[in-house]
Amino acid sequence: MINNVEAKWPWSVHDSRVFRESTLSDRFARGEFDGYLLGDRGYPCQPHLLTPYPDPGPQQRYNVAHCRTRARVEMTIGMLKARFQCLRRLRVTPERACDIIVACVVLHNNAIIRGEQHPALRMTSPSSLQMSGMEEL
């Protein structure tokens, strides 16, 4: 399930900026959650936002665990795109795209709650990894 969606940015904005200005970031900073978020190298490391070590050395096991855990998030995004093919290439106004993304997330979560089967993800070639949002791993 997707527990948080931030789709109010109608133009291309870097993920780290979206997170920095999100309600979720504020809530983590205030200590409302007991846990951590994982981000890629594009995010600054913070007490509640863990990123991989750039030159891991002895932290290699941490980086591997971090990557595997983030892969689950990327797979969830891939499942969302597989279920709603329209998300692969929206041809609507940016404002309308924000509404469509949120609606798809709500419907995706509803389908999971109802136990509906999701479309299978094809992850056999590098091009399919790119299409599913896995290219950063």
Protein backbone atom coordinates (compact mmCIF):
# COMPACT_ATOMS: atom_id res chain seq x y z
CA MET A 1 0.00 0.00 0.00
CA ILE A 2 1.04 3.57 -0.58
CA ASN A 3 0.74 5.49 2.67
CA ASN A 4 1.63 8.95 1.42
CA VAL A 5 1.42 10.65 -1.95
CA GLU A 6 2.64 14.16 -2.70
CA ALA A 7 1.20 15.17 -6.07
CA LYS A 8 0.63 18.89 -5.75
CA TRP A 9 3.62 19.94 -7.82
CA PRO A 10 2.28 20.38 -11.34
CA TRP A 11 5.71 20.87 -12.92
CA SER A 12 8.96 18.96 -12.90
CA VAL A 13 10.48 19.36 -9.43
CA HIS A 14 13.29 17.31 -7.88
CA ASP A 15 12.11 14.67 -5.41
CA SER A 16 14.25 16.11 -2.61
CA ARG A 17 12.54 19.51 -2.92
CA VAL A 18 9.10 17.92 -2.94
CA PHE A 19 9.99 16.02 0.23
CA ARG A 20 11.63 19.01 1.91
CA GLU A 21 8.45 21.06 1.48
CA SER A 22 6.02 18.24 2.27
CA THR A 23 3.81 17.73 5.29
CA LEU A 24 5.46 14.34 5.79
CA SER A 25 8.90 15.95 6.16
CA ASP A 26 7.52 18.41 8.72
CA ARG A 27 5.90 15.59 10.69
CA PHE A 28 9.12 13.58 10.77
CA ALA A 29 11.08 16.66 11.85
CA ARG A 30 8.62 17.20 14.74
CA GLY A 31 9.15 13.60 15.86
CA GLU A 32 5.61 12.42 15.11
CA PHE A 33 6.91 9.13 13.70
CA ASP A 34 9.11 6.49 15.25
CA GLY A 35 11.06 5.28 12.24
CA TYR A 36 13.12 6.27 9.26
CA LEU A 37 12.67 7.09 5.61
CA LEU A 38 15.10 5.91 2.95
CA GLY A 39 16.22 8.18 0.16
CA ASP A 40 18.62 7.85 -2.72
CA ARG A 41 21.80 9.88 -3.17
CA GLY A 42 19.76 12.88 -4.33
CA TYR A 43 18.50 13.47 -0.79
CA PRO A 44 20.46 14.99 2.08
CA CYS A 45 21.06 12.61 4.98
CA GLN A 46 18.98 13.69 7.99
CA PRO A 47 18.19 12.08 11.35
CA HIS A 48 14.94 10.68 9.92
CA LEU A 49 16.02 10.34 6.27
CA LEU A 50 18.76 7.82 5.62
CA THR A 51 20.75 7.78 2.40
CA PRO A 52 23.43 5.39 1.09
CA TYR A 53 27.08 5.99 1.89
CA PRO A 54 28.81 7.47 -1.18
CA ASP A 55 32.01 5.45 -0.58
CA PRO A 56 30.81 2.67 1.72
CA GLY A 57 33.91 0.72 2.68
CA PRO A 58 32.89 -0.98 5.94
CA GLN A 59 29.30 0.23 5.48
CA GLN A 60 28.81 -1.91 2.37
CA ARG A 61 26.28 -4.16 4.15
CA TYR A 62 24.25 -1.07 5.11
CA ASN A 63 24.23 0.10 1.49
CA VAL A 64 23.10 -3.34 0.29
CA ALA A 65 20.27 -3.45 2.86
CA HIS A 66 19.33 0.14 2.00
CA CYS A 67 19.20 -0.67 -1.72
CA ARG A 68 17.10 -3.81 -1.19
CA THR A 69 14.62 -1.96 0.97
CA ARG A 70 14.33 0.94 -1.49
CA ALA A 71 13.83 -1.59 -4.27
CA ARG A 72 10.54 -2.58 -2.61
CA VAL A 73 9.36 1.03 -2.85
CA GLU A 74 10.37 1.22 -6.51
CA MET A 75 8.56 -2.07 -7.17
CA THR A 76 5.42 -0.61 -5.59
CA ILE A 77 5.63 2.35 -7.96
CA GLY A 78 6.09 -0.11 -10.82
CA MET A 79 2.99 -2.00 -9.69
CA LEU A 80 1.02 1.25 -9.64
CA LYS A 81 2.14 2.04 -13.20
CA ALA A 82 1.36 -1.51 -14.32
CA ARG A 83 -2.14 -1.28 -12.88
CA PHE A 84 -2.76 2.17 -14.38
CA GLN A 85 -1.05 2.39 -17.74
CA CYS A 86 -2.15 6.01 -18.09
CA LEU A 87 0.53 6.95 -15.52
CA ARG A 88 3.28 6.01 -17.96
CA ARG A 89 2.48 8.99 -20.17
CA LEU A 90 -0.17 11.44 -19.08
CA ARG A 91 -1.31 13.80 -21.80
CA VAL A 92 -3.24 16.26 -19.67
CA THR A 93 -2.53 19.58 -18.01
CA PRO A 94 -0.04 19.39 -15.13
CA GLU A 95 -2.73 20.31 -12.62
CA ARG A 96 -5.01 17.54 -13.92
CA ALA A 97 -2.10 15.08 -13.80
CA CYS A 98 -1.77 15.70 -10.05
CA ASP A 99 -5.43 14.76 -9.54
CA ILE A 100 -5.09 11.64 -11.70
CA ILE A 101 -2.01 10.46 -9.78
CA VAL A 102 -3.77 10.79 -6.43
CA ALA A 103 -6.88 9.04 -7.78
CA CYS A 104 -4.77 6.15 -9.09
CA VAL A 105 -3.04 5.76 -5.71
CA VAL A 106 -6.41 5.68 -3.92
CA LEU A 107 -7.75 3.09 -6.38
CA HIS A 108 -4.52 1.06 -6.10
CA ASN A 109 -4.81 0.95 -2.30
CA ASN A 110 -8.49 0.02 -2.58
CA ALA A 111 -7.61 -2.84 -4.92
CA ILE A 112 -5.02 -4.11 -2.44
CA ILE A 113 -7.49 -3.93 0.45
CA ARG A 114 -10.03 -5.87 -1.62
CA GLY A 115 -7.40 -8.49 -2.50
CA GLU A 116 -7.61 -7.87 -6.23
CA GLN A 117 -4.80 -9.35 -8.25
CA HIS A 118 -2.34 -6.83 -9.65
CA PRO A 119 -0.84 -6.98 -13.14
CA ALA A 120 2.45 -8.85 -13.31
CA LEU A 121 5.55 -6.73 -13.61
CA ARG A 122 7.94 -7.65 -16.37
CA MET A 123 11.46 -7.03 -15.20
CA THR A 124 13.56 -8.94 -17.67
CA SER A 125 15.45 -6.26 -19.55
CA PRO A 126 17.13 -2.97 -18.65
CA SER A 127 14.54 -1.09 -20.71
CA SER A 128 11.69 -2.55 -18.67
CA LEU A 129 13.52 -1.58 -15.48
CA GLN A 130 13.73 1.98 -16.75
CA MET A 131 10.03 2.03 -17.56
CA SER A 132 9.11 0.84 -14.08
CA GLY A 133 11.19 3.47 -12.32
CA MET A 134 13.92 1.04 -11.23
CA GLU A 135 16.76 2.67 -13.17
CA GLU A 136 18.16 4.40 -10.08
CA LEU A 137 18.93 1.19 -8.20
